[in-house]
Protein backbone atom coordinates (compact mmCIF):
# COMPACT_ATOMS: atom_id res chain seq x y z
CA MET A 1 13.74 190.82 95.34
CA LEU A 2 10.79 192.58 97.73
CA ARG A 3 8.22 190.14 95.94
CA SER A 4 10.64 186.72 96.92
CA ARG A 5 11.39 187.95 100.25
CA TRP A 6 7.17 187.86 100.90
CA TRP A 7 6.44 184.90 98.87
CA SER A 8 9.23 183.81 101.48
CA PHE A 9 7.66 184.83 104.43
CA GLY A 10 4.26 184.19 103.64
CA PHE A 11 5.24 180.51 102.51
CA ARG A 12 6.58 180.21 106.75
CA SER A 13 3.72 181.66 107.76
CA ALA A 14 1.61 179.45 106.53
CA ILE A 15 3.36 176.86 107.10
CA MET A 16 3.90 177.81 110.67
CA LEU A 17 -0.03 178.85 111.08
CA TYR A 18 -0.56 175.21 110.39
CA PHE A 19 1.38 172.95 112.47
CA ILE A 20 -0.11 175.41 115.40
CA ILE A 21 -3.46 174.58 114.35
CA LEU A 22 -2.66 171.00 114.28
CA ILE A 23 -0.42 169.90 116.24
CA VAL A 24 0.26 173.11 119.18
CA LEU A 25 -3.10 173.82 119.45
CA PRO A 26 -4.86 170.44 120.16
CA ILE A 27 -1.76 169.82 123.29
CA LEU A 28 -2.59 173.45 124.63
CA GLY A 29 -6.46 172.27 124.60
CA VAL A 30 -5.45 168.47 126.39
CA TYR A 31 -3.47 170.75 129.22
CA THR A 32 -6.26 173.23 129.54
CA GLN A 33 -8.79 170.52 130.03
CA SER A 34 -7.05 168.91 132.87
CA PHE A 35 -6.73 171.72 134.99
CA SER A 36 -10.29 173.38 134.24
CA LEU A 37 -11.62 171.36 137.16
CA GLY A 38 -8.58 172.72 139.79
CA TRP A 39 -5.66 171.21 141.19
CA ALA A 40 -7.53 168.77 143.16
CA PRO A 41 -9.72 166.76 140.85
CA PHE A 42 -6.84 166.55 138.28
CA TRP A 43 -4.89 164.36 141.50
CA GLU A 44 -7.72 162.37 141.49
CA SER A 45 -8.49 161.72 137.96
CA ILE A 46 -4.92 160.32 137.82
CA SER A 47 -4.31 158.73 141.04
CA ASP A 48 -7.07 157.32 140.95
CA PRO A 49 -5.50 153.09 140.54
CA LEU A 50 -7.91 152.19 137.12
CA ALA A 51 -6.50 154.88 135.54
CA TRP A 52 -2.87 154.29 136.74
CA LYS A 53 -3.74 149.84 136.06
CA ALA A 54 -4.03 151.09 132.64
CA VAL A 55 -1.33 153.28 132.19
CA LEU A 56 1.47 151.56 134.20
CA LEU A 57 -0.21 147.52 132.00
CA THR A 58 0.23 149.82 128.67
CA ILE A 59 3.74 150.65 129.35
CA ARG A 60 4.65 146.96 130.46
CA LEU A 61 2.76 145.39 127.49
CA ALA A 62 4.01 148.18 125.10
CA LEU A 63 7.75 147.55 126.60
CA ILE A 64 7.29 143.78 125.67
CA ALA A 65 6.41 144.27 122.03
CA THR A 66 9.02 147.05 121.90
CA VAL A 67 12.12 144.71 123.19
CA ILE A 68 10.07 141.43 120.20
CA ASN A 69 9.99 144.22 117.36
CA VAL A 70 13.16 144.69 118.00
CA LEU A 71 14.33 140.78 117.42
CA ILE A 72 12.12 140.37 115.19
CA GLY A 73 12.76 143.85 112.61
CA THR A 74 16.84 143.89 113.12
CA MET A 75 17.31 140.74 111.77
CA ILE A 76 13.74 141.34 109.23
CA GLY A 77 16.12 144.72 108.27
CA TRP A 78 19.33 142.70 107.94
CA VAL A 79 17.55 139.65 105.57
CA LEU A 80 15.64 142.47 103.61
CA ILE A 81 19.10 144.10 102.77
CA ARG A 82 21.89 141.69 102.69
CA TYR A 83 20.42 138.92 100.45
CA ARG A 84 18.52 137.82 97.75
CA PHE A 85 16.09 135.47 96.95
CA PHE A 86 12.67 135.18 96.03
CA GLY A 87 9.57 137.26 96.61
CA ARG A 88 11.83 139.77 98.48
CA ARG A 89 10.75 142.64 96.88
CA ILE A 90 6.87 141.71 97.89
CA LEU A 91 7.97 140.94 102.19
CA ASN A 92 10.29 144.30 101.40
CA SER A 93 6.89 145.41 100.41
CA LEU A 94 4.60 144.44 103.18
CA VAL A 95 6.29 145.44 105.80
CA ASP A 96 4.50 148.75 105.22
CA LEU A 97 1.51 147.45 105.69
CA PRO A 98 0.13 148.48 109.17
CA PHE A 99 0.78 151.77 108.29
CA ALA A 100 -1.91 151.53 105.06
CA LEU A 101 -4.75 149.19 106.61
CA PRO A 102 -6.70 150.97 109.44
CA THR A 103 -5.97 149.70 113.10
CA ALA A 104 -9.56 148.66 113.26
CA VAL A 105 -8.85 146.29 110.75
CA GLY A 106 -6.35 145.17 111.88
CA GLY A 107 -7.50 143.89 114.72
CA LEU A 108 -10.42 142.61 113.62
CA MET A 109 -7.84 140.20 111.74
CA ILE A 110 -6.29 139.26 115.03
CA LEU A 111 -9.65 138.35 116.27
CA LEU A 112 -10.12 136.28 113.41
CA LEU A 113 -7.32 134.73 113.09
CA LEU A 114 -6.51 134.21 117.17
CA GLY A 115 -9.69 134.23 118.34
CA PRO A 116 -12.71 131.31 119.31
CA GLY A 117 -13.70 129.12 116.92
CA SER A 118 -10.53 129.93 115.57
CA PHE A 119 -7.60 127.05 113.99
CA VAL A 120 -5.26 129.11 115.50
CA GLY A 121 -7.71 129.50 119.01
CA ASP A 122 -8.64 126.41 119.66
CA ILE A 123 -5.48 124.76 119.68
CA ALA A 124 -4.40 126.83 121.98
CA GLN A 125 -7.73 126.61 124.05
CA ARG A 126 -6.59 123.42 123.93
CA LEU A 127 -3.59 124.46 125.53
CA GLY A 128 -5.07 126.09 128.14
CA ILE A 129 -3.77 129.01 126.28
CA GLU A 130 -5.61 131.87 126.64
CA ILE A 131 -4.95 134.84 123.65
CA VAL A 132 -7.92 137.56 122.56
CA PHE A 133 -9.13 139.23 125.53
CA HIS A 134 -6.04 138.78 126.93
CA GLU A 135 -2.32 139.78 127.36
CA PRO A 136 -1.29 138.44 124.79
CA ALA A 137 -3.87 139.87 122.12
CA ILE A 138 -2.93 143.06 123.16
CA VAL A 139 0.93 142.85 122.38
CA ILE A 140 0.71 141.13 119.43
CA ALA A 141 -1.45 144.31 118.22
CA MET A 142 1.33 146.59 119.69
CA LEU A 143 3.48 144.49 117.40
CA PHE A 144 1.22 144.50 114.16
CA VAL A 145 0.57 148.47 113.76
CA THR A 146 4.24 149.15 115.52
CA PHE A 147 5.97 146.44 112.71
CA PRO A 148 8.32 148.42 110.47
CA PHE A 149 9.34 151.34 112.93
CA VAL A 150 12.83 149.28 113.22
CA ILE A 151 13.07 147.87 110.27
CA ARG A 152 12.82 151.00 108.32
CA ALA A 153 15.67 152.28 110.93
CA VAL A 154 17.50 149.92 110.22
CA GLN A 155 17.94 149.23 106.46
CA PRO A 156 18.70 152.72 105.55
CA LEU A 157 21.81 152.46 107.79
CA LEU A 158 22.97 149.10 106.29
CA GLU A 159 22.84 150.29 103.34
CA GLU A 160 24.43 152.88 103.45
CA MET A 161 26.71 151.17 106.17
CA ASP A 162 30.60 150.59 104.20
CA LYS A 163 31.56 147.14 103.51
CA ALA A 164 35.22 147.89 103.23
CA GLU A 165 34.98 147.97 107.34
CA GLU A 166 33.46 144.51 106.90
CA GLU A 167 36.22 143.03 104.53
CA ALA A 168 38.93 144.61 106.89
CA ALA A 169 37.27 142.95 109.62
CA TYR A 170 37.83 139.72 108.09
CA THR A 171 40.74 139.97 107.07
CA LEU A 172 42.61 141.29 109.96
CA GLY A 173 41.72 138.02 111.51
CA ALA A 174 37.19 138.69 113.23
CA SER A 175 35.09 136.18 113.04
CA LYS A 176 32.22 137.24 111.26
CA ALA A 177 30.42 137.36 115.37
CA LYS A 178 33.53 139.27 116.32
CA THR A 179 33.13 141.75 113.06
CA PHE A 180 28.91 141.37 114.16
CA LEU A 181 29.63 142.78 117.50
CA GLN A 182 32.56 145.95 116.79
CA VAL A 183 32.27 146.48 113.23
CA ILE A 184 28.16 145.89 112.08
CA PHE A 185 25.96 146.36 114.98
CA PRO A 186 27.66 149.99 116.12
CA THR A 187 26.59 151.49 112.76
CA MET A 188 22.79 149.35 113.24
CA LEU A 189 22.46 150.55 116.63
CA PRO A 190 21.29 154.34 115.72
CA GLY A 191 18.35 152.93 113.84
CA ILE A 192 17.99 149.96 116.42
CA LEU A 193 17.32 152.53 119.21
CA SER A 194 14.92 154.94 116.90
CA GLY A 195 12.66 152.96 115.69
CA ALA A 196 12.28 151.35 119.19
CA MET A 197 11.36 154.83 120.58
CA LEU A 198 9.04 155.54 118.41
CA ALA A 199 7.56 151.87 117.95
CA PHE A 200 7.16 152.15 122.31
CA SER A 201 5.80 155.43 121.88
CA ARG A 202 3.57 154.30 119.20
CA GLY A 203 2.31 151.25 121.34
CA LEU A 204 1.35 153.48 124.17
CA ALA A 205 -0.90 155.56 121.91
CA GLU A 206 -2.91 152.30 120.13
CA PHE A 207 -6.30 152.14 120.40
CA GLY A 208 -8.11 150.51 116.97
CA ALA A 209 -6.39 147.05 117.14
CA VAL A 210 -6.44 146.75 120.99
CA VAL A 211 -9.71 147.24 121.33
CA LEU A 212 -11.13 144.17 119.32
CA VAL A 213 -9.06 142.08 120.99
CA ALA A 214 -8.49 143.32 125.06
CA GLY A 215 -11.53 141.93 126.24
CA ASN A 216 -11.18 145.53 128.13
CA ILE A 217 -11.10 144.17 131.74
CA PRO A 218 -10.96 146.97 134.19
CA GLY A 219 -7.19 146.29 136.20
CA LYS A 220 -6.61 143.29 133.71
CA THR A 221 -6.35 143.99 130.10
CA LEU A 222 -7.59 148.17 130.35
CA ILE A 223 -5.32 149.62 128.88
CA ALA A 224 -4.86 154.23 128.84
CA SER A 225 -6.53 154.48 124.98
CA VAL A 226 -9.40 152.89 125.57
CA TYR A 227 -9.59 153.49 129.11
CA ILE A 228 -9.60 157.57 128.21
CA PHE A 229 -12.13 156.30 125.31
CA GLY A 230 -14.12 155.30 128.22
CA GLU A 231 -13.57 158.44 130.39
CA VAL A 232 -14.63 160.49 127.62
CA GLU A 233 -18.05 158.98 126.70
CA SER A 234 -18.74 158.71 130.75
CA ASP A 235 -18.77 162.65 130.08
CA ASN A 236 -16.02 163.44 131.91
CA PRO A 237 -13.05 165.22 130.08
CA GLN A 238 -11.54 165.88 132.53
CA GLY A 239 -11.00 162.90 133.82
CA ALA A 240 -10.02 161.73 130.22
CA ALA A 241 -7.17 164.55 129.36
CA ALA A 242 -5.77 164.35 133.19
CA VAL A 243 -4.35 160.98 131.94
CA SER A 244 -4.00 161.88 128.22
CA ILE A 245 -1.37 164.88 130.05
CA ILE A 246 0.52 160.98 131.03
CA LEU A 247 0.84 159.70 127.76
CA LEU A 248 2.02 163.10 126.88
CA THR A 249 4.41 163.73 128.47
CA LEU A 250 6.35 159.87 128.03
CA SER A 251 5.87 160.97 124.07
CA PHE A 252 7.36 164.30 124.89
CA LEU A 253 10.39 162.30 126.79
CA ILE A 254 10.75 159.31 123.50
CA LEU A 255 10.81 162.25 121.06
CA TRP A 256 13.18 164.60 122.79
CA VAL A 257 15.58 161.49 123.85
CA LEU A 258 15.70 160.34 119.77
CA ASN A 259 15.95 164.07 118.87
CA VAL A 260 19.41 163.71 121.11
CA ILE A 261 20.05 160.50 118.96
CA GLN A 262 20.12 161.64 115.94
CA SER A 263 21.30 165.48 116.71
CA ARG A 264 24.77 163.09 117.46
CA ARG A 265 24.80 160.68 114.92
CA SER A 266 24.80 163.91 112.82
CA GLY A 267 27.39 165.67 114.61
CA VAL A 268 25.44 168.43 115.24
């Protein structure tokens, strides 16, 4: 009995130590570094017009990517669960490809597919549409890295949904549209919201795919993560940490809201 308690205590301690070293200490290090030179340099760093333009651009483009992900991801999740067709398993496996690929490889794929000299890039140029090294390329890169979140959040809810409720609605004379809006959609909504917030948070932090396709023009296509990298390269870790705090705080808020949604869903 005593041995079992010591083993349990050691196991919990090891987990907590791992969590503290891997998560807590780096976060505390960022906050400490951002205020290392005092309040005035911190305020100067976060009030820099280029920094705010980078942050606001990142938020705006991450929101656009999230909205597209919600619409397309929900439809893909629905099709993969509700329909049976040739190649369905392969498509379902490909959903997780962005998780497996290095994000820089994703950026390179976008560059080769849509960049200057490519078939799609040439057609876009003839139509007067600029993709690579402009905002559309950043949105596409964010879409690529956040693609699985909404799909994987919606699929379990559709699998667990009791079809008897859907069939009862049809029996009572409800149309397919009304059944979807009043029976199916409320079941899917927690997954859609959870996936959307995770996708938005991931889009805020993306670097590898974006840095290759954005052009990184200050005030135009320079996003927050690339700005932070530039500050580090310029030997200004305090400025990089100050801007990082903005993204960290946003991520914490998103995770807190996500936790509240999941708690309400589970009835805790």
